[in-house]
Protein backbone atom coordinates (compact mmCIF):
# COMPACT_ATOMS: atom_id res chain seq x y z
CA UNK A 1 -45.39 -7.37 18.50
CA UNK A 2 -46.88 -4.65 16.37
CA UNK A 3 -45.74 -3.86 12.86
CA UNK A 4 -44.30 -0.55 14.07
CA UNK A 5 -42.20 -2.28 16.72
CA UNK A 6 -41.01 -4.82 14.16
CA UNK A 7 -39.98 -2.05 11.77
CA UNK A 8 -38.08 -0.24 14.56
CA UNK A 9 -36.27 -3.46 15.48
CA UNK A 10 -35.24 -4.02 11.84
CA UNK A 11 -34.05 -0.42 11.60
CA UNK A 12 -31.83 -0.75 14.65
CA UNK A 13 -30.49 -4.16 13.55
CA UNK A 14 -29.49 -2.60 10.23
CA UNK A 15 -27.84 0.39 11.97
CA UNK A 16 -25.88 -1.95 14.32
CA UNK A 17 -24.74 -4.12 11.37
CA UNK A 18 -23.57 -1.01 9.47
CA UNK A 19 -21.63 0.17 12.52
CA UNK A 20 -19.96 -3.25 12.86
CA UNK A 21 -19.04 -3.26 9.15
CA UNK A 22 -17.56 0.24 9.37
CA UNK A 23 -15.51 -0.71 12.47
CA UNK A 24 -14.19 -3.83 10.71
CA UNK A 25 -13.18 -1.78 7.60
CA UNK A 26 -11.47 0.84 9.81
CA UNK A 27 -9.59 -1.90 11.69
CA UNK A 28 -8.20 -3.48 8.50
CA UNK A 29 -7.32 -0.06 7.08
CA UNK A 30 -5.35 0.74 10.23
CA UNK A 31 -3.64 -2.57 10.92
CA UNK A 32 -3.91 -4.48 7.70
CA UNK A 33 -1.50 -2.09 5.90
CA UNK A 34 0.86 -1.31 8.74
CA UNK A 35 4.40 -0.49 7.55
CA UNK A 36 6.73 -3.43 7.47
CA UNK A 37 9.74 -2.87 9.70
CA UNK A 38 11.67 -5.81 8.28
CA UNK A 39 14.70 -5.07 6.11
CA UNK A 40 13.91 -4.45 2.45
CA UNK A 41 15.68 -6.68 -0.07
CA UNK A 42 16.43 -6.20 -3.71
CA UNK A 43 13.15 -7.95 -4.45
CA UNK A 44 11.21 -5.60 -2.13
CA UNK A 45 12.96 -2.35 -2.85
CA UNK A 46 10.01 0.00 -2.89
CA UNK A 47 10.05 0.60 0.89
CA UNK A 48 11.99 3.64 2.05
CA UNK A 49 15.07 3.00 4.12
CA UNK A 50 17.99 5.09 5.25
CA UNK A 51 18.63 8.58 3.86
CA UNK A 52 22.41 8.98 3.73
CA UNK A 53 24.27 12.19 3.11
CA UNK A 54 27.66 13.23 1.91
CA UNK A 55 29.54 16.30 3.23
CA UNK A 56 32.76 17.72 2.00
CA UNK A 57 35.55 19.48 3.79
CA UNK A 58 37.67 21.05 1.05
CA UNK A 59 41.01 22.69 1.74
CA UNK A 60 41.26 24.99 -1.25
CA UNK A 61 44.75 26.44 -1.63
CA UNK A 62 45.05 30.18 -1.96
CA UNK A 63 48.54 30.24 -3.60
CA UNK A 64 49.90 33.77 -3.88
CA UNK A 65 53.47 33.08 -4.86
CA UNK A 66 56.14 30.43 -5.27
CA UNK A 67 59.34 31.21 -3.40
CA UNK A 68 62.81 29.88 -4.14
CA UNK A 69 65.42 31.48 -1.98
CA UNK A 70 65.04 35.26 -2.31
CA UNK A 71 63.09 35.10 -5.60
CA UNK A 72 59.34 34.88 -5.84
CA UNK A 73 57.08 34.16 -8.79
CA UNK A 74 53.45 35.02 -9.16
CA UNK A 75 51.11 32.07 -9.02
CA UNK A 76 48.03 31.85 -11.18
CA UNK A 77 45.03 29.53 -10.94
CA UNK A 78 43.53 27.48 -8.15
CA UNK A 79 42.95 23.97 -6.86
CA UNK A 80 39.36 22.73 -6.71
CA UNK A 81 37.19 19.60 -6.71
CA UNK A 82 33.87 19.25 -8.53
CA UNK A 83 31.23 16.78 -9.57
CA UNK A 84 28.20 16.83 -11.86
CA UNK A 85 26.58 19.46 -9.56
CA UNK A 86 29.51 21.83 -9.73
CA UNK A 87 32.39 23.10 -7.60
CA UNK A 88 32.58 21.71 -4.06
CA UNK A 89 33.22 25.25 -2.84
CA UNK A 90 29.59 26.07 -3.65
CA UNK A 91 27.78 22.99 -2.39
CA UNK A 92 28.65 21.17 0.83
CA UNK A 93 26.08 18.39 0.58
CA UNK A 94 27.15 15.80 -2.01
CA UNK A 95 24.74 13.50 -3.75
CA UNK A 96 26.92 10.45 -3.33
CA UNK A 97 24.14 7.91 -2.78
CA UNK A 98 21.67 8.74 -5.58
CA UNK A 99 20.51 5.51 -7.25
CA UNK A 100 18.00 4.25 -9.82
CA UNK A 101 16.27 1.87 -7.36
CA UNK A 102 14.87 4.89 -5.50
CA UNK A 103 14.40 7.20 -8.47
CA UNK A 104 17.76 8.87 -7.96
CA UNK A 105 17.17 10.05 -4.48
CA UNK A 106 19.53 9.52 -1.54
CA UNK A 107 17.40 6.71 -0.12
CA UNK A 108 19.15 3.37 0.00
CA UNK A 109 18.52 -0.20 1.16
CA UNK A 110 20.35 -3.55 1.31
CA UNK A 111 21.42 -4.63 -2.15
CA UNK A 112 21.48 -1.13 -3.61
CA UNK A 113 24.59 0.39 -5.13
CA UNK A 114 25.89 2.99 -7.58
CA UNK A 115 28.93 5.04 -8.58
CA UNK A 116 29.72 8.62 -7.56
CA UNK A 117 32.07 10.58 -9.82
CA UNK A 118 34.21 13.63 -8.95
CA UNK A 119 37.29 15.38 -10.37
CA UNK A 120 40.33 16.97 -8.68
CA UNK A 121 41.71 19.94 -10.58
CA UNK A 122 45.07 21.65 -10.42
CA UNK A 123 44.65 24.76 -12.54
CA UNK A 124 47.68 26.46 -11.01
CA UNK A 125 51.12 26.80 -12.51
CA UNK A 126 52.58 24.69 -9.68
CA UNK A 127 53.11 20.98 -9.31
CA UNK A 128 51.16 19.70 -6.28
CA UNK A 129 50.47 16.56 -4.29
CA UNK A 130 47.39 15.68 -2.38
CA UNK A 131 45.57 12.89 -0.61
CA UNK A 132 41.93 12.08 0.00
CA UNK A 133 40.39 10.81 3.23
CA UNK A 134 36.76 9.67 3.46
CA UNK A 135 35.13 8.83 6.79
CA UNK A 136 31.70 7.47 7.69
CA UNK A 137 29.29 8.21 10.48
CA UNK A 138 26.98 5.22 10.93
CA UNK A 139 25.13 4.84 14.16
CA UNK A 140 23.89 1.33 13.26
CA UNK A 141 27.02 0.15 11.37
CA UNK A 142 25.29 -0.84 8.18
CA UNK A 143 27.36 -2.90 5.83
CA UNK A 144 28.24 -0.37 3.09
CA UNK A 145 31.38 -1.24 1.09
CA UNK A 146 33.39 0.79 -1.36
CA UNK A 147 36.11 0.79 -4.02
CA UNK A 148 37.84 3.77 -5.61
CA UNK A 149 39.15 4.33 -9.11
CA UNK A 150 41.48 7.15 -10.26
CA UNK A 151 41.52 7.77 -13.97
CA UNK A 152 39.70 4.50 -14.43
CA UNK A 153 42.25 2.41 -12.52
CA UNK A 154 41.52 0.95 -9.10
CA UNK A 155 43.57 2.48 -6.31
CA UNK A 156 41.47 1.13 -3.41
CA UNK A 157 39.79 -2.26 -3.79
CA UNK A 158 39.41 -3.90 -7.22
CA UNK A 159 36.87 -5.49 -9.52
CA UNK A 160 36.35 -8.35 -6.99
CA UNK A 161 37.20 -6.67 -3.69
CA UNK A 162 35.24 -4.12 -1.73
CA UNK A 163 36.52 -2.34 1.38
CA UNK A 164 35.00 -0.58 4.38
CA UNK A 165 34.97 3.21 4.65
CA UNK A 166 37.83 3.00 7.11
CA UNK A 167 40.08 2.05 4.17
CA UNK A 168 39.08 5.03 1.96
CA UNK A 169 42.32 6.99 2.37
CA UNK A 170 44.85 7.44 -0.40
CA UNK A 171 48.60 8.02 -0.24
CA UNK A 172 49.95 11.35 -1.53
CA UNK A 173 49.26 11.62 -5.25
CA UNK A 174 51.19 13.96 -7.52
CA UNK A 175 49.22 16.19 -9.85
CA UNK A 176 51.12 18.32 -12.32
CA UNK A 177 50.19 21.93 -13.03
CA UNK A 178 47.26 22.29 -15.35
CA UNK A 179 46.14 18.64 -14.92
CA UNK A 180 43.15 16.93 -13.37
CA UNK A 181 42.32 13.48 -11.93
CA UNK A 182 38.95 11.81 -12.41
CA UNK A 183 37.63 9.57 -9.59
CA UNK A 184 34.83 7.02 -9.36
CA UNK A 185 33.67 5.91 -5.97
CA UNK A 186 31.67 2.66 -6.21
CA UNK A 187 29.41 1.92 -3.25
CA UNK A 188 27.12 -0.97 -2.37
CA UNK A 189 25.11 -2.00 0.68
CA UNK A 190 25.83 -5.69 1.31
CA UNK A 191 23.31 -7.71 3.35
CA UNK A 192 24.02 -8.05 7.05
CA UNK A 193 20.83 -9.43 8.68
CA UNK A 194 21.47 -8.36 12.26
CA UNK A 195 22.73 -4.83 11.51
CA UNK A 196 20.18 -4.31 8.73
CA UNK A 197 17.31 -5.32 10.98
CA UNK A 198 18.44 -2.85 13.68
CA UNK A 199 18.74 -0.06 11.08
CA UNK A 200 15.41 -0.99 9.58
CA UNK A 201 13.69 -0.44 12.90
CA UNK A 202 15.20 3.07 13.11
CA UNK A 203 13.98 4.58 9.88
CA UNK A 204 14.98 8.10 10.82
CA UNK A 205 18.66 7.21 11.17
CA UNK A 206 21.21 8.80 8.86
CA UNK A 207 24.42 7.47 7.28
CA UNK A 208 26.99 10.12 6.39
CA UNK A 209 30.28 10.27 4.51
CA UNK A 210 32.72 13.13 5.07
CA UNK A 211 35.28 13.74 2.32
CA UNK A 212 38.47 15.66 3.00
CA UNK A 213 41.13 16.78 0.53
CA UNK A 214 44.66 17.80 1.60
CA UNK A 215 47.03 19.58 -0.83
CA UNK A 216 50.71 20.50 -0.64
CA UNK A 217 53.12 22.12 -3.06
CA UNK A 218 55.78 19.77 -4.55
CA UNK A 219 59.27 21.21 -4.27
CA UNK A 220 60.89 21.21 -7.75
């Protein structure tokens, strides 16, 4: 074999080896870092999971007058609900699920929890009563639990007991004219291997809470 043929053979061997190396690198880049579909835990919290939302359905009373027999008094003020982002009347998507584990976004995973605060205001000159009803929409039935405090006292659940979203409904609560009630909704995703695995394989799924507020005038 001539020196020229030997050099050509070496050249093609080097080219083939380079192609093989490139293919191996591309293979490991594609499959060696494939996204893990298993459920994240508190020890592996950096993977994105569900993106829940909170919507609000506020029944804001437009009180024009208070009638007693044939007499009628002018009514001032309004009823409203707000949180750190402002009046519910001006934002319908609530940031209920923001948390430190995911840099205060609405992304959550098993083991993650936080507290969402809101305030019910009665700035009218009438005594009122109201109740709150919160409902969930969860296609994969993830194990989110809750407890609710009013003016720093538990009214649903307690320091050791968490409840499902189905139990997030209060009785009628009186609120005197000019007063307000502060609420804290604690939430936490408790591990449930079967449900969490199903949810983890459906990363585009959403979990949603709908909050409704119903107000009535209290007859003096």
